[in-house]
Protein backbone atom coordinates (compact mmCIF):
# COMPACT_ATOMS: atom_id res chain seq x y z
CA MET A 1 0.34 75.11 -33.44
CA ASP A 2 0.66 78.67 -34.20
CA GLY A 3 3.20 80.78 -35.40
CA THR A 4 6.38 80.25 -38.02
CA PHE A 5 9.56 78.40 -36.88
CA ILE A 6 12.84 78.38 -38.33
CA GLU A 7 16.24 77.15 -37.58
CA VAL A 8 19.97 78.26 -37.99
CA GLU A 9 22.90 76.34 -37.08
CA THR A 10 26.11 78.04 -37.06
CA VAL A 11 29.70 75.71 -36.31
CA ALA A 12 31.58 76.91 -32.95
CA GLU A 13 35.44 76.54 -33.59
CA SER A 14 35.24 75.73 -29.87
CA GLU A 15 33.06 74.16 -27.77
CA ASP A 16 34.30 75.62 -24.51
CA ASP A 17 34.15 79.34 -26.45
CA PRO A 18 31.13 79.26 -28.42
CA GLY A 19 29.85 83.15 -28.28
CA ALA A 20 31.39 83.90 -31.84
CA ALA A 21 29.22 81.15 -32.82
CA LEU A 22 26.10 83.10 -31.00
CA SER A 23 27.01 86.20 -32.49
CA VAL A 24 26.35 84.77 -35.89
CA VAL A 25 23.63 83.84 -34.58
CA ARG A 26 22.45 86.49 -33.54
CA SER A 27 23.42 88.82 -36.25
CA VAL A 28 21.32 86.83 -39.13
CA LEU A 29 18.52 86.78 -36.55
CA ALA A 30 18.04 90.55 -36.07
CA SER A 31 18.41 91.16 -39.97
CA PRO A 32 15.02 89.97 -40.41
CA GLY A 33 13.95 91.43 -37.38
CA ILE A 34 13.67 88.49 -34.95
CA ALA A 35 13.99 90.00 -31.14
CA GLU A 36 15.57 87.72 -28.62
CA VAL A 37 12.46 87.92 -26.75
CA ASP A 38 10.48 86.19 -30.44
CA LEU A 39 13.24 82.79 -29.42
CA THR A 40 12.61 79.56 -27.34
CA THR A 41 14.51 76.71 -26.39
CA VAL A 42 11.76 74.28 -27.49
CA GLN A 43 12.12 72.00 -30.30
CA TYR A 44 10.34 72.69 -32.72
CA THR A 45 9.76 68.63 -33.42
CA ASP A 46 8.01 68.95 -29.65
CA VAL A 47 5.86 71.45 -30.35
CA VAL A 48 4.81 69.08 -33.83
CA ALA A 49 4.42 66.06 -31.47
CA ALA A 50 2.33 67.99 -28.94
CA ALA A 51 0.14 69.14 -31.35
CA ARG A 52 -0.80 65.43 -32.59
């Protein structure tokens, strides 16, 4: 398993419109220079399990 993994969570005001919450998460990720290309939809626990 290579790389560094972080998880960022926020609360969405509405399940029907997660746009504002996603904007907050993207802003937090951009601060240390994490770009969209660096993101994955793979869960960290799945990566750990596959490495075993």
